[in-house]
Protein backbone atom coordinates (compact mmCIF):
# COMPACT_ATOMS: atom_id res chain seq x y z
CA MET A 1 14.40 16.74 16.47
CA THR A 2 12.12 18.97 14.42
CA ARG A 3 8.96 20.64 15.65
CA ARG A 4 6.13 21.59 13.33
CA SER A 5 2.98 23.35 14.44
CA LYS A 6 -0.26 24.12 12.64
CA SER A 7 -3.51 25.66 13.91
CA TRP A 8 -6.95 24.84 12.57
CA ALA A 9 -10.19 26.63 13.40
CA ILE A 10 -12.12 23.59 14.50
CA GLY A 11 -15.24 24.43 16.43
CA ALA A 12 -14.78 28.11 15.59
CA GLU A 13 -18.50 28.61 16.14
CA PHE A 14 -17.79 27.92 19.82
CA GLY A 15 -14.74 30.19 19.88
CA ALA A 16 -12.33 27.28 20.02
CA SER A 17 -9.33 26.43 17.91
CA LEU A 18 -7.10 23.40 17.82
CA GLN A 19 -3.34 23.36 17.57
CA VAL A 20 -1.52 20.27 16.39
CA ILE A 21 2.11 19.99 17.37
CA ALA A 22 4.06 17.31 15.55
CA TRP A 23 7.50 16.09 16.57
CA SER A 24 9.48 14.07 14.09
CA TRP A 25 11.33 10.90 15.05
CA PRO A 26 12.97 10.20 17.43
CA CYS A 27 10.98 11.58 20.32
CA SER A 28 9.82 10.42 23.70
CA ASP A 29 7.39 11.59 26.36
CA ARG A 30 10.06 13.71 28.01
CA ASP A 31 10.71 15.57 24.71
CA VAL A 32 7.08 16.53 24.16
CA PRO A 33 5.45 19.36 26.09
CA PRO A 34 2.20 18.46 27.89
CA ALA A 35 -0.95 18.72 25.76
CA THR A 36 -3.54 21.28 26.70
CA ASP A 37 -7.26 21.20 26.06
CA ARG A 38 -6.59 23.09 22.81
CA ALA A 39 -3.61 21.11 21.51
CA ILE A 40 -2.95 17.66 20.24
CA VAL A 41 0.62 16.44 20.38
CA VAL A 42 1.61 13.84 17.83
CA CYS A 43 4.91 12.01 18.07
CA MET A 44 5.87 11.03 14.53
CA SER A 45 7.55 7.66 14.52
CA GLY A 46 7.64 6.94 10.81
CA VAL A 47 4.08 5.59 10.80
CA THR A 48 2.58 7.83 8.16
CA GLY A 49 -0.85 6.22 8.34
CA ILE A 50 -1.62 7.80 11.71
CA TRP A 51 -0.48 11.23 10.57
CA GLU A 52 -2.49 10.88 7.33
CA ARG A 53 -5.66 9.96 9.23
CA LEU A 54 -5.19 12.92 11.56
CA ARG A 55 -4.61 15.25 8.60
CA GLN A 56 -7.77 13.96 6.93
CA ALA A 57 -9.83 14.43 10.07
CA LEU A 58 -8.62 17.98 10.56
CA SER A 59 -8.94 18.99 6.91
CA GLY A 60 -12.48 17.69 6.56
CA GLY A 61 -11.28 14.53 4.79
CA ARG A 62 -10.20 16.40 1.69
CA ARG A 63 -7.33 14.88 -0.20
CA PRO A 64 -6.15 15.10 -3.79
CA PRO A 65 -8.41 13.25 -6.25
CA LEU A 66 -7.40 9.73 -7.19
CA ASP A 67 -5.22 9.68 -10.30
CA PRO A 68 -6.31 6.85 -12.65
CA ALA A 69 -2.75 6.68 -14.01
CA ARG A 70 -1.28 5.60 -10.66
CA THR A 71 0.76 2.45 -10.89
CA ASP A 72 -0.36 1.04 -7.51
CA LEU A 73 -4.03 0.63 -8.50
CA VAL A 74 -5.40 -2.90 -8.30
CA VAL A 75 -8.79 -4.38 -9.10
CA VAL A 76 -10.59 -4.55 -5.75
CA VAL A 77 -14.04 -5.56 -6.99
CA SER A 78 -15.53 -6.71 -10.27
CA SER A 79 -18.76 -8.07 -11.65
CA PHE A 80 -19.27 -9.59 -15.08
CA ASP A 81 -22.54 -11.32 -14.18
CA ASP A 82 -25.72 -9.40 -15.10
CA ALA A 83 -27.64 -11.18 -12.35
CA GLU A 84 -25.23 -10.14 -9.57
CA SER A 85 -26.23 -7.04 -7.64
CA CYS A 86 -23.72 -4.28 -7.13
CA SER A 87 -24.20 -4.52 -3.37
CA GLY A 88 -23.33 -8.22 -3.51
CA ALA A 89 -20.23 -7.54 -5.59
CA LEU A 90 -19.11 -4.77 -3.21
CA GLU A 91 -19.63 -7.02 -0.18
CA ARG A 92 -17.49 -9.66 -1.88
CA GLY A 93 -14.86 -7.02 -2.69
CA ALA A 94 -14.74 -5.86 0.93
CA ALA A 95 -14.29 -9.43 2.17
CA THR A 96 -11.49 -10.59 -0.14
CA ALA A 97 -7.97 -9.30 -0.75
CA PRO A 98 -7.19 -6.87 -2.22
CA ARG A 99 -10.03 -5.24 -0.31
CA TRP A 100 -12.40 -2.56 -1.56
CA VAL A 101 -12.35 0.39 0.87
CA ASP A 102 -15.81 1.87 1.31
CA GLY A 103 -15.84 5.66 1.22
CA ASP A 104 -12.58 5.99 -0.72
CA GLU A 105 -12.45 7.02 -4.34
CA ALA A 106 -12.14 4.31 -6.95
CA VAL A 107 -11.62 4.15 -10.69
CA LEU A 108 -14.90 2.66 -11.90
CA ARG A 109 -14.40 0.91 -15.25
CA HIS A 110 -17.20 -0.32 -17.51
CA HIS A 111 -16.27 -2.90 -20.15
CA LEU A 112 -18.23 -2.53 -23.37
CA GLU A 113 -18.33 -4.29 -26.72
CA LEU A 114 -19.74 -2.23 -29.59
CA PRO A 115 -19.65 -2.16 -33.38
CA ALA A 116 -16.52 -0.24 -34.44
CA ASP A 117 -18.53 2.66 -35.90
CA ALA A 118 -20.36 3.26 -32.59
CA VAL A 119 -17.33 3.55 -30.29
CA ASP A 120 -16.73 7.28 -30.86
CA ARG A 121 -20.41 8.07 -30.22
CA ALA A 122 -20.35 6.06 -26.98
CA VAL A 123 -17.21 7.88 -25.80
CA GLU A 124 -18.83 11.23 -26.67
CA LEU A 125 -22.05 10.46 -24.78
CA ALA A 126 -20.30 9.00 -21.73
CA GLY A 127 -17.85 11.91 -21.72
CA GLN A 128 -20.72 14.19 -20.72
CA ASP A 129 -20.73 12.37 -17.38
CA GLY A 130 -16.96 12.46 -16.90
CA TYR A 131 -16.06 9.12 -18.45
CA VAL A 132 -12.94 8.71 -20.57
CA LYS A 133 -11.92 5.89 -22.86
CA ALA A 134 -9.25 3.57 -21.57
CA ALA A 135 -7.40 0.66 -23.10
CA PRO A 136 -9.40 -2.54 -23.41
CA VAL A 137 -8.66 -5.35 -21.01
CA HIS A 138 -9.49 -8.03 -23.57
CA THR A 139 -10.29 -8.20 -27.28
CA PRO A 140 -13.69 -9.67 -28.16
CA THR A 141 -13.82 -12.43 -30.77
CA ASN A 142 -17.29 -11.56 -32.10
CA GLY A 143 -16.19 -8.82 -34.51
CA ARG A 144 -17.04 -6.01 -32.10
CA THR A 145 -14.63 -3.52 -30.59
CA GLY A 146 -13.97 -3.93 -26.90
CA PHE A 147 -13.09 -0.89 -24.83
CA VAL A 148 -13.33 0.51 -21.33
CA LEU A 149 -15.03 3.68 -20.13
CA GLN A 150 -13.75 4.85 -16.77
CA ARG A 151 -14.07 7.66 -14.26
CA VAL A 152 -13.05 8.36 -10.68
CA GLN A 153 -15.82 8.39 -8.10
CA ILE A 154 -16.69 7.30 -4.61
CA LEU A 155 -18.17 3.88 -5.06
CA ASP A 156 -21.28 2.68 -3.26
CA ALA A 157 -23.96 0.18 -4.19
CA MET A 158 -26.58 2.70 -5.30
CA HIS A 159 -24.30 4.74 -7.56
CA CYS A 160 -22.64 1.62 -8.91
CA ALA A 161 -26.04 0.18 -9.87
CA GLN A 162 -27.04 3.47 -11.52
CA GLU A 163 -23.86 3.56 -13.59
CA LYS A 164 -24.12 -0.13 -14.48
CA SER A 165 -27.65 0.49 -15.76
CA ARG A 166 -26.59 3.64 -17.61
CA MET A 167 -23.79 1.79 -19.40
CA ALA A 168 -26.04 -1.16 -20.28
CA GLY A 169 -28.55 1.26 -21.81
CA LEU A 170 -25.85 3.13 -23.73
CA ALA A 171 -24.41 -0.07 -25.14
CA GLN A 172 -27.84 -1.40 -26.11
CA ARG A 173 -28.78 1.83 -27.93
CA LEU A 174 -25.58 1.61 -29.94
CA GLY A 175 -25.94 -2.07 -30.87
CA GLY A 176 -23.58 -3.60 -28.34
CA THR A 177 -23.35 -4.92 -24.82
CA ALA A 178 -21.89 -3.91 -21.49
CA THR A 179 -20.06 -7.03 -20.40
CA GLY A 180 -19.32 -5.95 -16.84
CA TRP A 181 -17.53 -3.52 -14.57
CA ASP A 182 -14.66 -3.41 -12.15
CA ALA A 183 -13.16 -0.89 -9.75
CA LEU A 184 -9.58 -0.06 -8.93
CA GLN A 185 -8.17 1.43 -5.73
CA PRO A 186 -4.66 1.74 -4.36
CA ASP A 187 -3.48 -1.56 -2.93
CA SER A 188 -4.36 -1.29 0.78
CA ALA A 189 -2.04 -4.20 1.60
CA ALA A 190 0.91 -2.00 0.62
CA ASP A 191 0.11 0.54 3.40
């Protein structure tokens, strides 16, 4: 059995600190020393989700940024209807599998169709806000060039609506259309 210990200055303004003692599998109550008011004892049983949530809570929720190149990303919400609100689409995404996880980062992708000579300008303008060009999901049949602009962000209804509007305006200025958006997150069913 392995013992790992780490101390965090939680509540340092009150002169307190917290020590987390983790025992790896197998362990039982008799193997673990009693917890004190300044220690949390975690018995690791192969369930990494619990340990990950504890790590997030103690580290202020910081984790590495979402990598858009991950292979386990799935579309968790999408909207290709101009009349649908972003809040409605996100509610639908939270209610159906694979589920959108509120508060987690997502790869927000905007699908645009532009004249071929305007694509580079669109990528340049959107790049100022952290967007990068990604491979198109489909090829339009109207003579335009279809492509995707994407970036990683925490997705909520307000910011989604702002970005949807921004992309619609960009596409219109350059003689094209924003056909819709979707968001990718790691498949929560795989956890």
